[in-house]
N, C-alpha and C. Protein backbone atom coordinates (compact mmCIF):
# COMPACT_ATOMS: atom_id res chain seq x y z
N UNK A 1 -5.45 43.92 40.46
CA UNK A 1 -4.10 43.41 40.48
C UNK A 1 -3.84 42.57 39.22
N UNK A 2 -4.78 41.69 38.89
CA UNK A 2 -4.59 40.84 37.70
C UNK A 2 -4.68 41.62 36.41
N UNK A 3 -5.52 42.67 36.38
CA UNK A 3 -5.69 43.45 35.16
C UNK A 3 -4.44 44.24 34.80
N UNK A 4 -3.67 44.61 35.81
CA UNK A 4 -2.47 45.39 35.55
C UNK A 4 -1.22 44.51 35.41
N UNK A 5 -1.40 43.22 35.31
CA UNK A 5 -0.27 42.29 35.18
C UNK A 5 0.51 42.57 33.89
N UNK A 6 1.82 42.65 34.02
CA UNK A 6 2.69 42.94 32.88
C UNK A 6 2.81 41.73 31.95
N UNK A 7 2.82 40.55 32.54
CA UNK A 7 2.95 39.32 31.75
C UNK A 7 1.73 38.43 32.03
N UNK A 8 0.64 38.62 31.29
CA UNK A 8 -0.61 37.90 31.57
C UNK A 8 -0.51 36.38 31.47
N UNK A 9 0.47 35.88 30.72
CA UNK A 9 0.59 34.42 30.60
C UNK A 9 0.94 33.76 31.94
N UNK A 10 1.51 34.52 32.88
CA UNK A 10 1.84 33.94 34.19
C UNK A 10 0.58 33.71 35.04
N UNK A 11 -0.53 34.32 34.64
CA UNK A 11 -1.77 34.14 35.39
C UNK A 11 -2.34 32.73 35.20
N UNK A 12 -1.88 32.03 34.20
CA UNK A 12 -2.40 30.68 33.92
C UNK A 12 -1.89 29.64 34.89
N UNK A 13 -0.79 29.93 35.59
CA UNK A 13 -0.19 28.93 36.48
C UNK A 13 0.37 29.61 37.72
N UNK A 14 0.07 29.04 38.89
CA UNK A 14 0.61 29.56 40.14
C UNK A 14 2.12 29.36 40.20
N UNK A 15 2.59 28.28 39.63
CA UNK A 15 4.03 27.99 39.68
C UNK A 15 4.84 29.00 38.88
N UNK A 16 4.28 29.53 37.80
CA UNK A 16 5.01 30.51 36.97
C UNK A 16 4.84 31.94 37.49
N UNK A 17 3.87 32.15 38.34
CA UNK A 17 3.57 33.51 38.82
C UNK A 17 4.70 34.02 39.71
N UNK A 18 5.21 35.17 39.39
CA UNK A 18 6.29 35.78 40.16
C UNK A 18 5.87 37.11 40.78
N UNK A 19 4.60 37.46 40.72
CA UNK A 19 4.11 38.72 41.26
C UNK A 19 4.12 38.65 42.79
N UNK A 20 4.98 39.44 43.47
CA UNK A 20 5.10 39.35 44.93
C UNK A 20 3.81 39.79 45.66
N UNK A 21 3.10 40.76 45.09
CA UNK A 21 1.87 41.23 45.73
C UNK A 21 0.80 40.13 45.73
N UNK A 22 0.66 39.45 44.61
CA UNK A 22 -0.32 38.36 44.51
C UNK A 22 0.10 37.19 45.40
N UNK A 23 1.41 36.88 45.42
CA UNK A 23 1.89 35.79 46.26
C UNK A 23 1.61 36.09 47.73
N UNK A 24 1.76 37.34 48.13
CA UNK A 24 1.48 37.74 49.52
C UNK A 24 -0.01 37.59 49.82
N UNK A 25 -0.87 38.00 48.90
CA UNK A 25 -2.33 37.85 49.08
C UNK A 25 -2.71 36.38 49.21
N UNK A 26 -2.14 35.53 48.35
CA UNK A 26 -2.43 34.10 48.42
C UNK A 26 -1.96 33.51 49.74
N UNK A 27 -0.81 33.97 50.24
CA UNK A 27 -0.31 33.48 51.52
C UNK A 27 -1.26 33.89 52.64
N UNK A 28 -1.76 35.13 52.59
CA UNK A 28 -2.71 35.59 53.60
C UNK A 28 -4.00 34.76 53.55
N UNK A 29 -4.46 34.46 52.35
CA UNK A 29 -5.66 33.64 52.21
C UNK A 29 -5.44 32.23 52.76
N UNK A 30 -4.28 31.65 52.45
CA UNK A 30 -3.96 30.31 52.96
C UNK A 30 -3.90 30.31 54.48
N UNK A 31 -3.29 31.33 55.07
CA UNK A 31 -3.21 31.42 56.54
C UNK A 31 -4.60 31.57 57.16
N UNK A 32 -5.44 32.40 56.55
CA UNK A 32 -6.79 32.58 57.07
C UNK A 32 -7.59 31.28 56.97
N UNK A 33 -7.43 30.57 55.86
CA UNK A 33 -8.12 29.29 55.69
C UNK A 33 -7.62 28.27 56.71
N UNK A 34 -6.32 28.22 56.93
CA UNK A 34 -5.77 27.28 57.90
C UNK A 34 -6.29 27.59 59.30
N UNK A 35 -6.38 28.86 59.65
CA UNK A 35 -6.91 29.25 60.96
C UNK A 35 -8.37 28.86 61.09
N UNK A 36 -9.13 29.05 60.03
CA UNK A 36 -10.54 28.65 60.03
C UNK A 36 -10.68 27.14 60.25
N UNK A 37 -9.88 26.37 59.55
CA UNK A 37 -9.93 24.91 59.67
C UNK A 37 -9.55 24.50 61.09
N UNK A 38 -8.53 25.15 61.67
CA UNK A 38 -8.13 24.86 63.06
C UNK A 38 -9.28 25.14 64.01
N UNK A 39 -9.93 26.30 63.87
CA UNK A 39 -11.05 26.67 64.74
C UNK A 39 -12.20 25.68 64.58
N UNK A 40 -12.46 25.30 63.35
CA UNK A 40 -13.56 24.36 63.07
C UNK A 40 -13.26 23.00 63.69
N UNK A 41 -12.02 22.54 63.59
CA UNK A 41 -11.67 21.24 64.16
C UNK A 41 -11.74 21.29 65.68
N UNK A 42 -11.38 22.43 66.30
CA UNK A 42 -11.53 22.57 67.76
C UNK A 42 -12.99 22.47 68.15
N UNK A 43 -13.86 23.08 67.38
CA UNK A 43 -15.30 23.01 67.64
C UNK A 43 -15.78 21.57 67.52
N UNK A 44 -15.35 20.89 66.47
CA UNK A 44 -15.78 19.51 66.25
C UNK A 44 -15.23 18.58 67.33
N UNK A 45 -14.03 18.89 67.88
CA UNK A 45 -13.48 18.08 68.96
C UNK A 45 -14.40 18.12 70.18
N UNK A 46 -15.02 19.27 70.44
CA UNK A 46 -15.95 19.39 71.57
C UNK A 46 -17.22 18.61 71.31
N UNK A 47 -17.52 18.33 70.05
CA UNK A 47 -18.74 17.64 69.68
C UNK A 47 -18.59 16.12 69.74
N UNK A 48 -17.36 15.62 69.96
CA UNK A 48 -17.12 14.18 69.90
C UNK A 48 -18.01 13.38 70.83
N UNK A 49 -18.29 13.88 72.03
CA UNK A 49 -19.06 13.12 73.00
C UNK A 49 -20.56 13.18 72.77
N UNK A 50 -21.02 13.91 71.76
CA UNK A 50 -22.44 14.08 71.54
C UNK A 50 -22.99 13.02 70.60
N UNK A 51 -24.18 12.57 70.89
CA UNK A 51 -24.91 11.68 69.99
C UNK A 51 -25.86 12.59 69.22
N UNK A 52 -25.56 12.83 67.92
CA UNK A 52 -26.30 13.84 67.18
C UNK A 52 -27.79 13.54 67.05
N UNK A 53 -28.19 12.29 67.23
CA UNK A 53 -29.62 11.97 67.15
C UNK A 53 -30.37 12.35 68.43
N UNK A 54 -29.65 12.45 69.55
CA UNK A 54 -30.34 12.69 70.82
C UNK A 54 -29.88 13.93 71.56
N UNK A 55 -28.66 14.39 71.35
CA UNK A 55 -28.12 15.46 72.15
C UNK A 55 -28.31 16.86 71.57
N UNK A 56 -28.46 16.97 70.26
CA UNK A 56 -28.63 18.27 69.65
C UNK A 56 -30.10 18.52 69.39
N UNK A 57 -30.56 19.74 69.67
CA UNK A 57 -31.98 20.05 69.56
C UNK A 57 -32.14 21.41 68.91
N UNK A 58 -33.06 21.52 67.99
CA UNK A 58 -33.31 22.78 67.32
C UNK A 58 -34.81 22.97 67.17
N UNK A 59 -35.28 24.17 67.46
CA UNK A 59 -36.69 24.46 67.28
C UNK A 59 -37.01 24.86 65.85
N UNK A 60 -35.99 25.19 65.09
CA UNK A 60 -36.19 25.69 63.73
C UNK A 60 -35.16 25.06 62.81
N UNK A 61 -35.60 24.42 61.77
CA UNK A 61 -34.68 23.82 60.81
C UNK A 61 -33.98 24.92 60.02
N UNK A 62 -32.68 24.82 59.88
CA UNK A 62 -31.93 25.85 59.16
C UNK A 62 -32.16 25.78 57.67
N UNK A 63 -32.38 24.60 57.16
CA UNK A 63 -32.55 24.47 55.73
C UNK A 63 -33.66 23.47 55.43
N UNK A 64 -34.64 23.92 54.72
CA UNK A 64 -35.73 23.05 54.30
C UNK A 64 -35.84 23.15 52.78
N UNK A 65 -35.41 22.12 52.08
CA UNK A 65 -35.41 22.18 50.61
C UNK A 65 -36.79 22.45 50.02
N UNK A 66 -37.84 21.90 50.61
CA UNK A 66 -39.17 22.12 50.05
C UNK A 66 -39.58 23.58 50.17
N UNK A 67 -39.25 24.21 51.30
CA UNK A 67 -39.57 25.63 51.50
C UNK A 67 -38.78 26.47 50.49
N UNK A 68 -37.50 26.17 50.34
CA UNK A 68 -36.68 26.95 49.41
C UNK A 68 -37.15 26.79 47.97
N UNK A 69 -37.57 25.61 47.60
CA UNK A 69 -38.06 25.38 46.24
C UNK A 69 -39.34 26.19 45.99
N UNK A 70 -40.22 26.22 46.97
CA UNK A 70 -41.46 26.98 46.82
C UNK A 70 -41.16 28.48 46.83
N UNK A 71 -40.23 28.92 47.69
CA UNK A 71 -39.84 30.33 47.70
C UNK A 71 -39.34 30.76 46.33
N UNK A 72 -38.53 29.92 45.71
CA UNK A 72 -37.98 30.24 44.39
C UNK A 72 -39.11 30.38 43.36
N UNK A 73 -40.09 29.48 43.42
CA UNK A 73 -41.22 29.56 42.49
C UNK A 73 -42.05 30.82 42.74
N UNK A 74 -42.29 31.17 44.00
CA UNK A 74 -43.03 32.39 44.32
C UNK A 74 -42.29 33.60 43.78
N UNK A 75 -40.98 33.64 43.99
CA UNK A 75 -40.18 34.76 43.49
C UNK A 75 -40.25 34.86 41.97
N UNK A 76 -40.17 33.72 41.28
CA UNK A 76 -40.27 33.73 39.81
C UNK A 76 -41.63 34.22 39.34
N UNK A 77 -42.68 33.79 40.03
CA UNK A 77 -44.04 34.23 39.67
C UNK A 77 -44.19 35.73 39.91
N UNK A 78 -43.72 36.22 41.06
CA UNK A 78 -43.81 37.65 41.35
C UNK A 78 -42.99 38.47 40.36
N UNK A 79 -41.81 37.99 40.02
CA UNK A 79 -40.96 38.69 39.05
C UNK A 79 -41.68 38.79 37.70
N UNK A 80 -42.29 37.69 37.25
CA UNK A 80 -43.02 37.69 35.98
C UNK A 80 -44.24 38.61 36.06
N UNK A 81 -44.92 38.58 37.19
CA UNK A 81 -46.10 39.42 37.38
C UNK A 81 -45.73 40.91 37.34
N UNK A 82 -44.67 41.28 38.06
CA UNK A 82 -44.22 42.67 38.05
C UNK A 82 -43.77 43.09 36.65
N UNK A 83 -43.10 42.18 35.95
CA UNK A 83 -42.64 42.49 34.59
C UNK A 83 -43.84 42.69 33.67
N UNK A 84 -44.86 41.83 33.83
CA UNK A 84 -46.07 41.92 33.02
C UNK A 84 -46.80 43.24 33.27
N UNK A 85 -46.82 43.68 34.52
CA UNK A 85 -47.51 44.92 34.89
C UNK A 85 -46.62 46.15 34.73
N UNK A 86 -45.39 45.94 34.30
CA UNK A 86 -44.41 47.02 34.11
C UNK A 86 -44.19 47.79 35.41
N UNK A 87 -44.17 47.06 36.50
CA UNK A 87 -43.89 47.67 37.80
C UNK A 87 -42.81 46.83 38.47
N UNK A 88 -42.31 47.34 39.52
CA UNK A 88 -41.40 46.57 40.36
C UNK A 88 -41.72 46.87 41.81
N UNK A 89 -41.40 45.97 42.72
CA UNK A 89 -41.73 46.22 44.12
C UNK A 89 -40.98 47.42 44.66
N UNK A 90 -41.64 48.17 45.51
CA UNK A 90 -41.00 49.33 46.14
C UNK A 90 -39.91 48.82 47.09
N UNK A 91 -38.77 49.50 47.05
CA UNK A 91 -37.67 49.12 47.92
C UNK A 91 -36.93 50.37 48.36
N UNK A 92 -36.39 50.32 49.53
CA UNK A 92 -35.60 51.44 50.03
C UNK A 92 -34.13 51.30 49.64
N UNK A 93 -33.80 50.18 49.05
CA UNK A 93 -32.40 49.88 48.76
C UNK A 93 -31.86 50.71 47.60
N UNK A 94 -32.61 50.76 46.50
CA UNK A 94 -32.12 51.47 45.32
C UNK A 94 -33.29 51.87 44.43
N UNK A 95 -33.06 52.83 43.56
CA UNK A 95 -34.06 53.21 42.56
C UNK A 95 -33.76 52.59 41.20
N UNK A 96 -32.78 51.74 41.15
CA UNK A 96 -32.38 51.09 39.91
C UNK A 96 -33.52 50.22 39.40
N UNK A 97 -33.92 50.42 38.16
CA UNK A 97 -35.03 49.68 37.55
C UNK A 97 -34.71 48.19 37.38
N UNK A 98 -33.43 47.84 37.30
CA UNK A 98 -33.03 46.46 37.09
C UNK A 98 -33.02 45.65 38.40
N UNK A 99 -33.08 46.35 39.51
CA UNK A 99 -32.97 45.69 40.80
C UNK A 99 -34.35 45.19 41.25
N UNK A 100 -34.41 43.93 41.60
CA UNK A 100 -35.66 43.31 42.04
C UNK A 100 -35.40 42.67 43.39
N UNK A 101 -36.07 43.14 44.43
CA UNK A 101 -35.81 42.63 45.77
C UNK A 101 -37.12 42.33 46.48
N UNK A 102 -37.22 41.12 46.99
CA UNK A 102 -38.34 40.73 47.84
C UNK A 102 -37.72 40.20 49.12
N UNK A 103 -38.24 40.61 50.26
CA UNK A 103 -37.68 40.18 51.54
C UNK A 103 -37.78 38.67 51.68
N UNK A 104 -36.70 38.06 52.16
CA UNK A 104 -36.66 36.61 52.34
C UNK A 104 -37.75 36.15 53.30
N UNK A 105 -37.99 36.93 54.33
CA UNK A 105 -39.01 36.55 55.33
C UNK A 105 -40.39 36.50 54.67
N UNK A 106 -40.66 37.42 53.76
CA UNK A 106 -41.95 37.42 53.05
C UNK A 106 -42.08 36.19 52.17
N UNK A 107 -40.99 35.84 51.48
CA UNK A 107 -41.01 34.63 50.64
C UNK A 107 -41.24 33.39 51.49
N UNK A 108 -40.56 33.32 52.63
CA UNK A 108 -40.71 32.16 53.51
C UNK A 108 -42.14 32.06 54.04
N UNK A 109 -42.70 33.19 54.45
CA UNK A 109 -44.09 33.17 54.94
C UNK A 109 -45.05 32.73 53.85
N UNK A 110 -44.83 33.22 52.63
CA UNK A 110 -45.68 32.81 51.51
C UNK A 110 -45.57 31.32 51.24
N UNK A 111 -44.35 30.80 51.28
CA UNK A 111 -44.13 29.38 51.04
C UNK A 111 -44.79 28.54 52.14
N UNK A 112 -44.66 28.97 53.38
CA UNK A 112 -45.28 28.23 54.48
C UNK A 112 -46.81 28.30 54.39
N UNK A 113 -47.34 29.42 53.96
CA UNK A 113 -48.80 29.54 53.78
C UNK A 113 -49.29 28.58 52.70
N UNK A 114 -48.53 28.48 51.60
CA UNK A 114 -48.91 27.54 50.53
C UNK A 114 -48.86 26.09 51.02
N UNK A 115 -47.84 25.76 51.79
CA UNK A 115 -47.74 24.39 52.32
C UNK A 115 -48.87 24.10 53.30
N UNK A 116 -49.20 25.07 54.15
CA UNK A 116 -50.32 24.89 55.09
C UNK A 116 -51.62 24.69 54.34
N UNK A 117 -51.83 25.47 53.29
CA UNK A 117 -53.05 25.32 52.48
C UNK A 117 -53.10 23.94 51.83
N UNK A 118 -51.98 23.50 51.28
CA UNK A 118 -51.91 22.17 50.68
C UNK A 118 -52.22 21.09 51.72
N UNK A 119 -51.68 21.23 52.92
CA UNK A 119 -51.92 20.25 53.97
C UNK A 119 -53.40 20.20 54.35
N UNK A 120 -54.02 21.36 54.47
CA UNK A 120 -55.45 21.41 54.81
C UNK A 120 -56.27 20.75 53.72
N UNK A 121 -55.96 21.08 52.48
CA UNK A 121 -56.71 20.49 51.35
C UNK A 121 -56.51 18.98 51.32
N UNK A 122 -55.26 18.52 51.46
CA UNK A 122 -54.99 17.08 51.42
C UNK A 122 -55.66 16.33 52.56
N UNK A 123 -55.73 16.95 53.73
CA UNK A 123 -56.28 16.26 54.89
C UNK A 123 -57.81 16.33 54.97
N UNK A 124 -58.39 17.46 54.61
CA UNK A 124 -59.83 17.63 54.84
C UNK A 124 -60.72 17.34 53.64
N UNK A 125 -60.22 17.52 52.43
CA UNK A 125 -61.04 17.27 51.24
C UNK A 125 -61.56 15.83 51.20
N UNK A 126 -60.72 14.83 51.44
CA UNK A 126 -61.25 13.46 51.44
C UNK A 126 -62.33 13.23 52.50
N UNK A 127 -62.20 13.87 53.64
CA UNK A 127 -63.20 13.71 54.70
C UNK A 127 -64.54 14.24 54.23
N UNK A 128 -64.55 15.40 53.61
CA UNK A 128 -65.79 15.99 53.11
C UNK A 128 -66.39 15.10 52.02
N UNK A 129 -65.55 14.62 51.11
CA UNK A 129 -66.04 13.75 50.03
C UNK A 129 -66.59 12.45 50.60
N UNK A 130 -65.88 11.87 51.57
CA UNK A 130 -66.34 10.62 52.18
C UNK A 130 -67.67 10.80 52.91
N UNK A 131 -67.90 11.98 53.44
CA UNK A 131 -69.15 12.27 54.14
C UNK A 131 -70.32 12.28 53.15
N UNK A 132 -70.07 12.77 51.95
CA UNK A 132 -71.13 12.90 50.95
C UNK A 132 -71.38 11.58 50.21
N UNK A 133 -70.32 10.85 49.88
CA UNK A 133 -70.44 9.62 49.09
C UNK A 133 -70.99 8.49 49.97
N UNK A 134 -71.89 7.70 49.40
CA UNK A 134 -72.51 6.61 50.15
C UNK A 134 -72.05 5.23 49.71
N UNK A 135 -71.58 5.08 48.49
CA UNK A 135 -71.19 3.77 47.98
C UNK A 135 -69.85 3.34 48.58
N UNK A 136 -69.82 2.13 49.11
CA UNK A 136 -68.64 1.62 49.81
C UNK A 136 -67.43 1.52 48.89
N UNK A 137 -67.60 0.98 47.71
CA UNK A 137 -66.48 0.83 46.78
C UNK A 137 -65.89 2.19 46.41
N UNK A 138 -66.72 3.18 46.21
CA UNK A 138 -66.26 4.52 45.88
C UNK A 138 -65.53 5.15 47.08
N UNK A 139 -66.05 4.89 48.28
CA UNK A 139 -65.39 5.40 49.49
C UNK A 139 -63.97 4.85 49.61
N UNK A 140 -63.83 3.53 49.38
CA UNK A 140 -62.49 2.94 49.49
C UNK A 140 -61.56 3.42 48.38
N UNK A 141 -62.10 3.71 47.22
CA UNK A 141 -61.31 4.29 46.13
C UNK A 141 -60.82 5.69 46.53
N UNK A 142 -61.69 6.45 47.14
CA UNK A 142 -61.31 7.80 47.61
C UNK A 142 -60.22 7.70 48.67
N UNK A 143 -60.34 6.74 49.57
CA UNK A 143 -59.30 6.54 50.60
C UNK A 143 -57.97 6.18 49.94
N UNK A 144 -58.01 5.32 48.95
CA UNK A 144 -56.79 4.92 48.24
C UNK A 144 -56.12 6.13 47.58
N UNK A 145 -56.90 6.94 46.88
CA UNK A 145 -56.35 8.12 46.18
C UNK A 145 -55.84 9.15 47.19
N UNK A 146 -56.63 9.41 48.24
CA UNK A 146 -56.23 10.40 49.24
C UNK A 146 -54.96 9.96 49.98
N UNK A 147 -54.89 8.69 50.32
CA UNK A 147 -53.70 8.18 51.02
C UNK A 147 -52.47 8.26 50.13
N UNK A 148 -52.63 7.91 48.86
CA UNK A 148 -51.49 8.00 47.92
C UNK A 148 -51.02 9.44 47.78
N UNK A 149 -51.95 10.38 47.66
CA UNK A 149 -51.58 11.80 47.54
C UNK A 149 -50.87 12.28 48.81
N UNK A 150 -51.38 11.85 49.97
CA UNK A 150 -50.78 12.25 51.25
C UNK A 150 -49.35 11.71 51.37
N UNK A 151 -49.17 10.43 51.09
CA UNK A 151 -47.84 9.82 51.19
C UNK A 151 -46.89 10.46 50.19
N UNK A 152 -47.34 10.73 49.00
CA UNK A 152 -46.51 11.39 47.99
C UNK A 152 -46.09 12.78 48.46
N UNK A 153 -47.02 13.54 49.03
CA UNK A 153 -46.70 14.88 49.53
C UNK A 153 -45.69 14.82 50.67
N UNK A 154 -45.86 13.88 51.59
CA UNK A 154 -44.92 13.73 52.70
C UNK A 154 -43.54 13.34 52.17
N UNK A 155 -43.50 12.43 51.22
CA UNK A 155 -42.22 11.97 50.68
C UNK A 155 -41.48 13.08 49.94
N UNK A 156 -42.22 13.89 49.19
CA UNK A 156 -41.60 14.94 48.39
C UNK A 156 -41.21 16.14 49.24
N UNK A 157 -42.06 16.52 50.19
CA UNK A 157 -41.89 17.79 50.88
C UNK A 157 -41.19 17.68 52.23
N UNK A 158 -40.73 16.50 52.60
CA UNK A 158 -40.04 16.37 53.88
C UNK A 158 -38.80 15.52 53.72
N UNK A 159 -38.02 15.52 54.78
CA UNK A 159 -36.82 14.67 54.80
C UNK A 159 -37.10 13.41 55.60
N UNK A 160 -38.35 13.00 55.64
CA UNK A 160 -38.74 11.83 56.44
C UNK A 160 -38.07 10.57 55.91
N UNK A 161 -37.74 9.69 56.84
CA UNK A 161 -37.19 8.38 56.47
C UNK A 161 -38.32 7.53 55.92
N UNK A 162 -37.95 6.46 55.24
CA UNK A 162 -38.94 5.58 54.62
C UNK A 162 -39.93 5.04 55.64
N UNK A 163 -39.45 4.64 56.80
CA UNK A 163 -40.35 4.10 57.82
C UNK A 163 -41.30 5.18 58.34
N UNK A 164 -40.83 6.42 58.44
CA UNK A 164 -41.69 7.51 58.90
C UNK A 164 -42.78 7.81 57.87
N UNK A 165 -42.42 7.73 56.60
CA UNK A 165 -43.41 7.94 55.53
C UNK A 165 -44.46 6.84 55.59
N UNK A 166 -44.01 5.61 55.78
CA UNK A 166 -44.92 4.48 55.88
C UNK A 166 -45.88 4.64 57.06
N UNK A 167 -45.34 5.02 58.21
CA UNK A 167 -46.17 5.20 59.41
C UNK A 167 -47.17 6.34 59.21
N UNK A 168 -46.73 7.44 58.62
CA UNK A 168 -47.63 8.57 58.37
C UNK A 168 -48.76 8.16 57.44
N UNK A 169 -48.43 7.44 56.38
CA UNK A 169 -49.45 6.98 55.43
C UNK A 169 -50.42 6.01 56.07
N UNK A 170 -49.90 5.06 56.86
CA UNK A 170 -50.76 4.08 57.53
C UNK A 170 -51.68 4.76 58.53
N UNK A 171 -51.16 5.74 59.26
CA UNK A 171 -51.97 6.47 60.24
C UNK A 171 -53.08 7.25 59.56
N UNK A 172 -52.73 7.95 58.51
CA UNK A 172 -53.73 8.74 57.78
C UNK A 172 -54.81 7.84 57.19
N UNK A 173 -54.41 6.72 56.60
CA UNK A 173 -55.37 5.78 56.04
C UNK A 173 -56.28 5.22 57.13
N UNK A 174 -55.69 4.89 58.28
CA UNK A 174 -56.49 4.37 59.40
C UNK A 174 -57.52 5.40 59.87
N UNK A 175 -57.13 6.65 59.92
CA UNK A 175 -58.07 7.71 60.33
C UNK A 175 -59.23 7.79 59.35
N UNK A 176 -58.95 7.73 58.06
CA UNK A 176 -60.02 7.79 57.06
C UNK A 176 -60.93 6.56 57.15
N UNK A 177 -60.35 5.40 57.36
CA UNK A 177 -61.17 4.18 57.49
C UNK A 177 -62.06 4.27 58.72
N UNK A 178 -61.50 4.73 59.82
CA UNK A 178 -62.30 4.90 61.04
C UNK A 178 -63.40 5.92 60.82
N UNK A 179 -63.10 6.97 60.06
CA UNK A 179 -64.13 7.98 59.77
C UNK A 179 -65.31 7.36 59.02
N UNK A 180 -65.04 6.57 57.99
CA UNK A 180 -66.17 5.99 57.24
C UNK A 180 -66.86 4.90 58.06
N UNK A 181 -66.11 4.22 58.91
CA UNK A 181 -66.75 3.21 59.77
C UNK A 181 -67.68 3.89 60.77
N UNK A 182 -67.25 5.06 61.26
CA UNK A 182 -68.08 5.82 62.20
C UNK A 182 -69.34 6.36 61.55
N UNK A 183 -69.29 6.60 60.25
CA UNK A 183 -70.45 7.09 59.52
C UNK A 183 -71.34 5.95 59.04
N UNK A 184 -70.90 4.75 59.28
CA UNK A 184 -71.70 3.58 58.91
C UNK A 184 -71.46 3.15 57.48
N UNK A 185 -71.03 1.90 57.33
CA UNK A 185 -70.84 1.32 56.01
C UNK A 185 -71.95 0.32 55.83
N UNK A 186 -72.74 0.57 54.82
CA UNK A 186 -73.79 -0.41 54.56
C UNK A 186 -73.30 -1.33 53.45
N UNK A 187 -73.21 -2.61 53.77
CA UNK A 187 -72.71 -3.60 52.82
C UNK A 187 -73.70 -3.77 51.70
N UNK A 188 -73.20 -3.81 50.49
CA UNK A 188 -74.06 -4.03 49.33
C UNK A 188 -74.30 -2.77 48.51
N UNK A 189 -73.84 -1.60 48.99
CA UNK A 189 -74.00 -0.36 48.23
C UNK A 189 -72.92 -0.22 47.20
């Protein structure tokens, strides 16, 4: 419609536009938008009595920024890898060489697997190191480093509030201290 406009300068301003077909389309869009807003406000009116912290429950978060960020990195790595190998992933969608498609579910699973691996490494590596190390000062240094890494990972990869991050860090540190206390701390090492 815009490409066939007789007077293209009218496209710069809605007030100058006299094209009846475009004006009708804009009116239809405005009506559809108004109806959407009305429906949305009716939905929100039903939500007025709810306490969003206690009344709404979800088993699955709709949006997790850390997962999406990792998915994007996985996709970039796969894209570079396929480009390097001069291949592209098989797809039923098209034979176009320029088209690159990886299923979102596969990306999400890969991202969750990476996060699980990171969690295992962050949680268990210090325990193994603390089991091997005998010097008390070195053990406490390891606890300090491991706790800092854990708190940093929780802060970056979750939407936890400051108090939740503090509690998670304190709990993890307490577990590590109890672990070394259970293995016996000999004073003077």
